[in-house]
Amino acid sequence: MSSSAPRALSNREEDALMKSVKAEGLKKCDDVVKRFADCASGRTVSVAWACRDEHKAVQSCLSQYTSPDALDRARKEWLNSHRS
């Protein structure tokens, strides 16, 4: 294997990358997440229908940062920055 060939991430590295990507997505979607949290506050079962639009907005926002393409880009960036 040549030194320029990308290597795969270990399970631990992959887990850390996923956590980092999700945390970054939550940070970037903070306003949307807060609206959902405000809607859900004090609710139990009714949150499923009362906050449906807010939940969809959170999912939509987060999918920008956690989609397979976004994860592939994050993996490539990580590998480029940690290449030995």
PDB file of N, CA and C in Angstrom:
ATOM      1  N   MET A   1       0.858  -1.176   0.000  1.00  0.00           N
ATOM      2  CA  MET A   1       0.000   0.000   0.000  1.00  0.00           C
ATOM      3  C   MET A   1       0.901   1.234   0.000  1.00  0.00           C
ATOM      4  N   SER A   2       0.664   2.143  -0.897  1.00  0.00           N
ATOM      5  CA  SER A   2       1.484   3.341  -0.967  1.00  0.00           C
ATOM      6  C   SER A   2       1.078   4.308   0.138  1.00  0.00           C
ATOM      7  N   SER A   3       1.989   5.214   0.469  1.00  0.00           N
ATOM      8  CA  SER A   3       1.711   6.155   1.551  1.00  0.00           C
ATOM      9  C   SER A   3       0.656   7.171   1.164  1.00  0.00           C
ATOM     10  N   SER A   4       0.346   7.312  -0.140  1.00  0.00           N
ATOM     11  CA  SER A   4      -0.667   8.268  -0.557  1.00  0.00           C
ATOM     12  C   SER A   4      -2.074   7.673  -0.570  1.00  0.00           C
ATOM     13  N   ALA A   5      -2.187   6.362  -0.407  1.00  0.00           N
ATOM     14  CA  ALA A   5      -3.502   5.728  -0.396  1.00  0.00           C
ATOM     15  C   ALA A   5      -4.189   6.009   0.933  1.00  0.00           C
ATOM     16  N   PRO A   6      -5.468   6.378   0.897  1.00  0.00           N
ATOM     17  CA  PRO A   6      -6.166   6.643   2.156  1.00  0.00           C
ATOM     18  C   PRO A   6      -6.347   5.365   2.961  1.00  0.00           C
ATOM     19  N   ARG A   7      -6.310   5.502   4.257  1.00  0.00           N
ATOM     20  CA  ARG A   7      -6.539   4.340   5.104  1.00  0.00           C
ATOM     21  C   ARG A   7      -7.942   4.447   5.690  1.00  0.00           C
ATOM     22  N   ALA A   8      -8.447   3.321   6.136  1.00  0.00           N
ATOM     23  CA  ALA A   8      -9.781   3.312   6.738  1.00  0.00           C
ATOM     24  C   ALA A   8      -9.668   3.772   8.186  1.00  0.00           C
ATOM     25  N   LEU A   9     -10.749   4.277   8.702  1.00  0.00           N
ATOM     26  CA  LEU A   9     -10.789   4.686  10.105  1.00  0.00           C
ATOM     27  C   LEU A   9     -11.058   3.464  10.966  1.00  0.00           C
ATOM     28  N   SER A  10     -10.459   3.451  12.126  1.00  0.00           N
ATOM     29  CA  SER A  10     -10.752   2.388  13.076  1.00  0.00           C
ATOM     30  C   SER A  10     -12.160   2.616  13.620  1.00  0.00           C
ATOM     31  N   ASN A  11     -12.703   1.633  14.290  1.00  0.00           N
ATOM     32  CA  ASN A  11     -14.037   1.782  14.876  1.00  0.00           C
ATOM     33  C   ASN A  11     -14.072   2.946  15.860  1.00  0.00           C
ATOM     34  N   ARG A  12     -13.019   3.093  16.642  1.00  0.00           N
ATOM     35  CA  ARG A  12     -12.948   4.180  17.620  1.00  0.00           C
ATOM     36  C   ARG A  12     -12.894   5.533  16.909  1.00  0.00           C
ATOM     37  N   GLU A  13     -12.105   5.618  15.850  1.00  0.00           N
ATOM     38  CA  GLU A  13     -12.010   6.868  15.092  1.00  0.00           C
ATOM     39  C   GLU A  13     -13.334   7.195  14.407  1.00  0.00           C
ATOM     40  N   GLU A  14     -13.970   6.178  13.855  1.00  0.00           N
ATOM     41  CA  GLU A  14     -15.261   6.369  13.191  1.00  0.00           C
ATOM     42  C   GLU A  14     -16.306   6.860  14.196  1.00  0.00           C
ATOM     43  N   ASP A  15     -16.315   6.281  15.386  1.00  0.00           N
ATOM     44  CA  ASP A  15     -17.253   6.694  16.433  1.00  0.00           C
ATOM     45  C   ASP A  15     -16.997   8.149  16.846  1.00  0.00           C
ATOM     46  N   ALA A  16     -15.731   8.496  17.022  1.00  0.00           N
ATOM     47  CA  ALA A  16     -15.382   9.868  17.395  1.00  0.00           C
ATOM     48  C   ALA A  16     -15.772  10.840  16.286  1.00  0.00           C
ATOM     49  N   LEU A  17     -15.566  10.451  15.041  1.00  0.00           N
ATOM     50  CA  LEU A  17     -15.944  11.301  13.915  1.00  0.00           C
ATOM     51  C   LEU A  17     -17.455  11.511  13.881  1.00  0.00           C
ATOM     52  N   MET A  18     -18.221  10.444  14.062  1.00  0.00           N
ATOM     53  CA  MET A  18     -19.679  10.546  14.068  1.00  0.00           C
ATOM     54  C   MET A  18     -20.155  11.481  15.176  1.00  0.00           C
ATOM     55  N   LYS A  19     -19.596  11.330  16.363  1.00  0.00           N
ATOM     56  CA  LYS A  19     -19.979  12.198  17.484  1.00  0.00           C
ATOM     57  C   LYS A  19     -19.649  13.646  17.173  1.00  0.00           C
ATOM     58  N   SER A  20     -18.505  13.875  16.582  1.00  0.00           N
ATOM     59  CA  SER A  20     -18.088  15.229  16.235  1.00  0.00           C
ATOM     60  C   SER A  20     -19.002  15.841  15.179  1.00  0.00           C
ATOM     61  N   VAL A  21     -19.334  15.054  14.153  1.00  0.00           N
ATOM     62  CA  VAL A  21     -20.204  15.530  13.077  1.00  0.00           C
ATOM     63  C   VAL A  21     -21.593  15.846  13.632  1.00  0.00           C
ATOM     64  N   LYS A  22     -22.125  14.976  14.469  1.00  0.00           N
ATOM     65  CA  LYS A  22     -23.448  15.212  15.067  1.00  0.00           C
ATOM     66  C   LYS A  22     -23.434  16.444  15.965  1.00  0.00           C
ATOM     67  N   ALA A  23     -22.381  16.595  16.765  1.00  0.00           N
ATOM     68  CA  ALA A  23     -22.284  17.759  17.650  1.00  0.00           C
ATOM     69  C   ALA A  23     -22.214  19.044  16.831  1.00  0.00           C
ATOM     70  N   GLU A  24     -21.456  19.031  15.754  1.00  0.00           N
ATOM     71  CA  GLU A  24     -21.351  20.204  14.886  1.00  0.00           C
ATOM     72  C   GLU A  24     -22.701  20.511  14.243  1.00  0.00           C
ATOM     73  N   GLY A  25     -23.406  19.462  13.814  1.00  0.00           N
ATOM     74  CA  GLY A  25     -24.741  19.650  13.243  1.00  0.00           C
ATOM     75  C   GLY A  25     -25.704  20.249  14.248  1.00  0.00           C
ATOM     76  N   LEU A  26     -25.679  19.757  15.474  1.00  0.00           N
ATOM     77  CA  LEU A  26     -26.551  20.306  16.517  1.00  0.00           C
ATOM     78  C   LEU A  26     -26.229  21.770  16.791  1.00  0.00           C
ATOM     79  N   LYS A  27     -24.943  22.095  16.764  1.00  0.00           N
ATOM     80  CA  LYS A  27     -24.540  23.487  16.992  1.00  0.00           C
ATOM     81  C   LYS A  27     -25.062  24.377  15.862  1.00  0.00           C
ATOM     82  N   LYS A  28     -24.924  23.914  14.633  1.00  0.00           N
ATOM     83  CA  LYS A  28     -25.361  24.717  13.488  1.00  0.00           C
ATOM     84  C   LYS A  28     -26.888  24.792  13.392  1.00  0.00           C
ATOM     85  N   CYS A  29     -27.581  23.818  13.963  1.00  0.00           N
ATOM     86  CA  CYS A  29     -29.047  23.783  13.933  1.00  0.00           C
ATOM     87  C   CYS A  29     -29.641  24.233  15.266  1.00  0.00           C
ATOM     88  N   ASP A  30     -28.872  24.937  16.049  1.00  0.00           N
ATOM     89  CA  ASP A  30     -29.271  25.292  17.409  1.00  0.00           C
ATOM     90  C   ASP A  30     -30.636  25.974  17.476  1.00  0.00           C
ATOM     91  N   ASP A  31     -30.906  26.939  16.607  1.00  0.00           N
ATOM     92  CA  ASP A  31     -32.193  27.646  16.652  1.00  0.00           C
ATOM     93  C   ASP A  31     -33.364  26.703  16.403  1.00  0.00           C
ATOM     94  N   VAL A  32     -33.196  25.789  15.454  1.00  0.00           N
ATOM     95  CA  VAL A  32     -34.260  24.838  15.114  1.00  0.00           C
ATOM     96  C   VAL A  32     -34.470  23.861  16.271  1.00  0.00           C
ATOM     97  N   VAL A  33     -33.378  23.399  16.858  1.00  0.00           N
ATOM     98  CA  VAL A  33     -33.460  22.474  17.994  1.00  0.00           C
ATOM     99  C   VAL A  33     -34.141  23.163  19.174  1.00  0.00           C
ATOM    100  N   LYS A  34     -33.821  24.427  19.408  1.00  0.00           N
ATOM    101  CA  LYS A  34     -34.449  25.161  20.511  1.00  0.00           C
ATOM    102  C   LYS A  34     -35.958  25.306  20.298  1.00  0.00           C
ATOM    103  N   ARG A  35     -36.374  25.562  19.056  1.00  0.00           N
ATOM    104  CA  ARG A  35     -37.813  25.667  18.787  1.00  0.00           C
ATOM    105  C   ARG A  35     -38.514  24.341  19.088  1.00  0.00           C
ATOM    106  N   PHE A  36     -37.880  23.222  18.718  1.00  0.00           N
ATOM    107  CA  PHE A  36     -38.465  21.917  19.019  1.00  0.00           C
ATOM    108  C   PHE A  36     -38.508  21.692  20.526  1.00  0.00           C
ATOM    109  N   ALA A  37     -37.432  22.022  21.207  1.00  0.00           N
ATOM    110  CA  ALA A  37     -37.382  21.832  22.660  1.00  0.00           C
ATOM    111  C   ALA A  37     -38.446  22.676  23.360  1.00  0.00           C
ATOM    112  N   ASP A  38     -38.623  23.909  22.896  1.00  0.00           N
ATOM    113  CA  ASP A  38     -39.662  24.763  23.479  1.00  0.00           C
ATOM    114  C   ASP A  38     -41.044  24.162  23.265  1.00  0.00           C
ATOM    115  N   CYS A  39     -41.282  23.635  22.080  1.00  0.00           N
ATOM    116  CA  CYS A  39     -42.576  23.013  21.781  1.00  0.00           C
ATOM    117  C   CYS A  39     -42.796  21.770  22.657  1.00  0.00           C
ATOM    118  N   ALA A  40     -41.742  20.981  22.821  1.00  0.00           N
ATOM    119  CA  ALA A  40     -41.856  19.717  23.550  1.00  0.00           C
ATOM    120  C   ALA A  40     -41.905  19.897  25.064  1.00  0.00           C
ATOM    121  N   SER A  41     -41.485  21.050  25.546  1.00  0.00           N
ATOM    122  CA  SER A  41     -41.432  21.284  26.980  1.00  0.00           C
ATOM    123  C   SER A  41     -42.811  21.117  27.618  1.00  0.00           C
ATOM    124  N   GLY A  42     -42.871  20.276  28.629  1.00  0.00           N
ATOM    125  CA  GLY A  42     -44.107  20.053  29.364  1.00  0.00           C
ATOM    126  C   GLY A  42     -45.052  19.059  28.705  1.00  0.00           C
ATOM    127  N   ARG A  43     -44.676  18.514  27.595  1.00  0.00           N
ATOM    128  CA  ARG A  43     -45.527  17.537  26.894  1.00  0.00           C
ATOM    129  C   ARG A  43     -44.987  16.128  27.101  1.00  0.00           C
ATOM    130  N   THR A  44     -45.856  15.169  26.926  1.00  0.00           N
ATOM    131  CA  THR A  44     -45.421  13.771  26.925  1.00  0.00           C
ATOM    132  C   THR A  44     -45.844  13.170  25.590  1.00  0.00           C
ATOM    133  N   VAL A  45     -46.916  12.456  25.577  1.00  0.00           N
ATOM    134  CA  VAL A  45     -47.376  11.777  24.370  1.00  0.00           C
ATOM    135  C   VAL A  45     -47.757  12.759  23.265  1.00  0.00           C
ATOM    136  N   SER A  46     -48.319  13.904  23.633  1.00  0.00           N
ATOM    137  CA  SER A  46     -48.799  14.855  22.623  1.00  0.00           C
ATOM    138  C   SER A  46     -47.679  15.485  21.797  1.00  0.00           C
ATOM    139  N   VAL A  47     -46.443  15.336  22.237  1.00  0.00           N
ATOM    140  CA  VAL A  47     -45.328  15.906  21.473  1.00  0.00           C
ATOM    141  C   VAL A  47     -45.287  15.334  20.052  1.00  0.00           C
ATOM    142  N   ALA A  48     -45.736  14.093  19.895  1.00  0.00           N
ATOM    143  CA  ALA A  48     -45.685  13.431  18.585  1.00  0.00           C
ATOM    144  C   ALA A  48     -46.474  14.194  17.527  1.00  0.00           C
ATOM    145  N   TRP A  49     -47.620  14.741  17.878  1.00  0.00           N
ATOM    146  CA  TRP A  49     -48.389  15.477  16.874  1.00  0.00           C
ATOM    147  C   TRP A  49     -48.307  16.992  17.054  1.00  0.00           C
ATOM    148  N   ALA A  50     -48.144  17.445  18.279  1.00  0.00           N
ATOM    149  CA  ALA A  50     -48.117  18.886  18.523  1.00  0.00           C
ATOM    150  C   ALA A  50     -46.842  19.535  17.981  1.00  0.00           C
ATOM    151  N   CYS A  51     -45.752  18.783  17.958  1.00  0.00           N
ATOM    152  CA  CYS A  51     -44.458  19.348  17.543  1.00  0.00           C
ATOM    153  C   CYS A  51     -43.934  18.684  16.267  1.00  0.00           C
ATOM    154  N   ARG A  52     -44.842  18.129  15.481  1.00  0.00           N
ATOM    155  CA  ARG A  52     -44.458  17.412  14.267  1.00  0.00           C
ATOM    156  C   ARG A  52     -43.634  18.296  13.319  1.00  0.00           C
ATOM    157  N   ASP A  53     -44.109  19.526  13.083  1.00  0.00           N
ATOM    158  CA  ASP A  53     -43.397  20.418  12.155  1.00  0.00           C
ATOM    159  C   ASP A  53     -42.009  20.779  12.679  1.00  0.00           C
ATOM    160  N   GLU A  54     -41.904  21.035  13.965  1.00  0.00           N
ATOM    161  CA  GLU A  54     -40.618  21.364  14.563  1.00  0.00           C
ATOM    162  C   GLU A  54     -39.656  20.179  14.473  1.00  0.00           C
ATOM    163  N   HIS A  55     -40.177  18.971  14.701  1.00  0.00           N
ATOM    164  CA  HIS A  55     -39.350  17.769  14.612  1.00  0.00           C
ATOM    165  C   HIS A  55     -38.847  17.568  13.186  1.00  0.00           C
ATOM    166  N   LYS A  56     -39.729  17.760  12.217  1.00  0.00           N
ATOM    167  CA  LYS A  56     -39.319  17.639  10.814  1.00  0.00           C
ATOM    168  C   LYS A  56     -38.248  18.658  10.465  1.00  0.00           C
ATOM    169  N   ALA A  57     -38.373  19.873  11.015  1.00  0.00           N
ATOM    170  CA  ALA A  57     -37.379  20.916  10.762  1.00  0.00           C
ATOM    171  C   ALA A  57     -36.017  20.524  11.346  1.00  0.00           C
ATOM    172  N   VAL A  58     -36.013  19.930  12.533  1.00  0.00           N
ATOM    173  CA  VAL A  58     -34.758  19.475  13.144  1.00  0.00           C
ATOM    174  C   VAL A  58     -34.129  18.391  12.278  1.00  0.00           C
ATOM    175  N   GLN A  59     -34.930  17.408  11.867  1.00  0.00           N
ATOM    176  CA  GLN A  59     -34.414  16.320  11.045  1.00  0.00           C
ATOM    177  C   GLN A  59     -33.847  16.837   9.723  1.00  0.00           C
ATOM    178  N   SER A  60     -34.557  17.768   9.120  1.00  0.00           N
ATOM    179  CA  SER A  60     -34.109  18.349   7.856  1.00  0.00           C
ATOM    180  C   SER A  60     -32.790  19.095   8.026  1.00  0.00           C
ATOM    181  N   CYS A  61     -32.708  19.886   9.070  1.00  0.00           N
ATOM    182  CA  CYS A  61     -31.483  20.643   9.320  1.00  0.00           C
ATOM    183  C   CYS A  61     -30.306  19.704   9.589  1.00  0.00           C
ATOM    184  N   LEU A  62     -30.501  18.733  10.474  1.00  0.00           N
ATOM    185  CA  LEU A  62     -29.416  17.815  10.820  1.00  0.00           C
ATOM    186  C   LEU A  62     -28.974  16.961   9.644  1.00  0.00           C
ATOM    187  N   SER A  63     -29.897  16.637   8.740  1.00  0.00           N
ATOM    188  CA  SER A  63     -29.532  15.774   7.608  1.00  0.00           C
ATOM    189  C   SER A  63     -28.492  16.429   6.704  1.00  0.00           C
ATOM    190  N   GLN A  64     -28.424  17.759   6.710  1.00  0.00           N
ATOM    191  CA  GLN A  64     -27.394  18.451   5.932  1.00  0.00           C
ATOM    192  C   GLN A  64     -25.995  18.090   6.415  1.00  0.00           C
ATOM    193  N   TYR A  65     -25.872  17.832   7.707  1.00  0.00           N
ATOM    194  CA  TYR A  65     -24.572  17.604   8.324  1.00  0.00           C
ATOM    195  C   TYR A  65     -24.283  16.135   8.611  1.00  0.00           C
ATOM    196  N   THR A  66     -25.312  15.284   8.552  1.00  0.00           N
ATOM    197  CA  THR A  66     -25.115  13.869   8.888  1.00  0.00           C
ATOM    198  C   THR A  66     -25.471  12.935   7.737  1.00  0.00           C
ATOM    199  N   SER A  67     -25.679  13.475   6.555  1.00  0.00           N
ATOM    200  CA  SER A  67     -25.991  12.637   5.390  1.00  0.00           C
ATOM    201  C   SER A  67     -24.757  11.802   5.036  1.00  0.00           C
ATOM    202  N   PRO A  68     -24.935  10.729   4.282  1.00  0.00           N
ATOM    203  CA  PRO A  68     -23.772   9.931   3.862  1.00  0.00           C
ATOM    204  C   PRO A  68     -22.711  10.772   3.135  1.00  0.00           C
ATOM    205  N   ASP A  69     -23.138  11.696   2.289  1.00  0.00           N
ATOM    206  CA  ASP A  69     -22.172  12.546   1.583  1.00  0.00           C
ATOM    207  C   ASP A  69     -21.406  13.437   2.559  1.00  0.00           C
ATOM    208  N   ALA A  70     -22.121  14.017   3.521  1.00  0.00           N
ATOM    209  CA  ALA A  70     -21.467  14.878   4.511  1.00  0.00           C
ATOM    210  C   ALA A  70     -20.482  14.072   5.361  1.00  0.00           C
ATOM    211  N   LEU A  71     -20.859  12.846   5.714  1.00  0.00           N
ATOM    212  CA  LEU A  71     -19.964  11.996   6.495  1.00  0.00           C
ATOM    213  C   LEU A  71     -18.738  11.604   5.684  1.00  0.00           C
ATOM    214  N   ASP A  72     -18.912  11.331   4.398  1.00  0.00           N
ATOM    215  CA  ASP A  72     -17.769  11.017   3.531  1.00  0.00           C
ATOM    216  C   ASP A  72     -16.806  12.194   3.465  1.00  0.00           C
ATOM    217  N   ARG A  73     -17.354  13.412   3.321  1.00  0.00           N
ATOM    218  CA  ARG A  73     -16.499  14.603   3.291  1.00  0.00           C
ATOM    219  C   ARG A  73     -15.740  14.752   4.613  1.00  0.00           C
ATOM    220  N   ALA A  74     -16.423  14.534   5.728  1.00  0.00           N
ATOM    221  CA  ALA A  74     -15.783  14.644   7.044  1.00  0.00           C
ATOM    222  C   ALA A  74     -14.691  13.593   7.203  1.00  0.00           C
ATOM    223  N   ARG A  75     -14.947  12.376   6.714  1.00  0.00           N
ATOM    224  CA  ARG A  75     -13.943  11.306   6.770  1.00  0.00           C
ATOM    225  C   ARG A  75     -12.693  11.700   5.979  1.00  0.00           C
ATOM    226  N   LYS A  76     -12.919  12.207   4.765  1.00  0.00           N
ATOM    227  CA  LYS A  76     -11.783  12.601   3.920  1.00  0.00           C
ATOM    228  C   LYS A  76     -10.985  13.725   4.572  1.00  0.00           C
ATOM    229  N   GLU A  77     -11.684  14.708   5.144  1.00  0.00           N
ATOM    230  CA  GLU A  77     -10.992  15.794   5.845  1.00  0.00           C
ATOM    231  C   GLU A  77     -10.190  15.252   7.012  1.00  0.00           C
ATOM    232  N   TRP A  78     -10.789  14.342   7.774  1.00  0.00           N
ATOM    233  CA  TRP A  78     -10.097  13.768   8.936  1.00  0.00           C
ATOM    234  C   TRP A  78      -8.863  13.005   8.482  1.00  0.00           C
ATOM    235  N   LEU A  79      -9.011  12.171   7.447  1.00  0.00           N
ATOM    236  CA  LEU A  79      -7.889  11.391   6.965  1.00  0.00           C
ATOM    237  C   LEU A  79      -6.769  12.301   6.442  1.00  0.00           C
ATOM    238  N   ASN A  80      -7.137  13.369   5.728  1.00  0.00           N
ATOM    239  CA  ASN A  80      -6.119  14.289   5.223  1.00  0.00           C
ATOM    240  C   ASN A  80      -5.388  15.009   6.359  1.00  0.00           C
ATOM    241  N   SER A  81      -6.100  15.342   7.409  1.00  0.00           N
ATOM    242  CA  SER A  81      -5.469  16.067   8.507  1.00  0.00           C
ATOM    243  C   SER A  81      -4.696  15.147   9.453  1.00  0.00           C
ATOM    244  N   HIS A  82      -4.982  13.847   9.408  1.00  0.00           N
ATOM    245  CA  HIS A  82      -4.303  12.894  10.315  1.00  0.00           C
ATOM    246  C   HIS A  82      -3.402  11.911   9.569  1.00  0.00           C
ATOM    247  N   ARG A  83      -3.108  12.201   8.335  1.00  0.00           N
ATOM    248  CA  ARG A  83      -2.274  11.312   7.535  1.00  0.00           C
ATOM    249  C   ARG A  83      -0.850  11.348   8.084  1.00  0.00           C
ATOM    250  N   SER A  84      -0.263  10.162   8.227  1.00  0.00           N
ATOM    251  CA  SER A  84       1.100  10.116   8.772  1.00  0.00           C
ATOM    252  C   SER A  84       2.143  10.143   7.697  1.00  0.00           C
TER     253      SER A  84
END
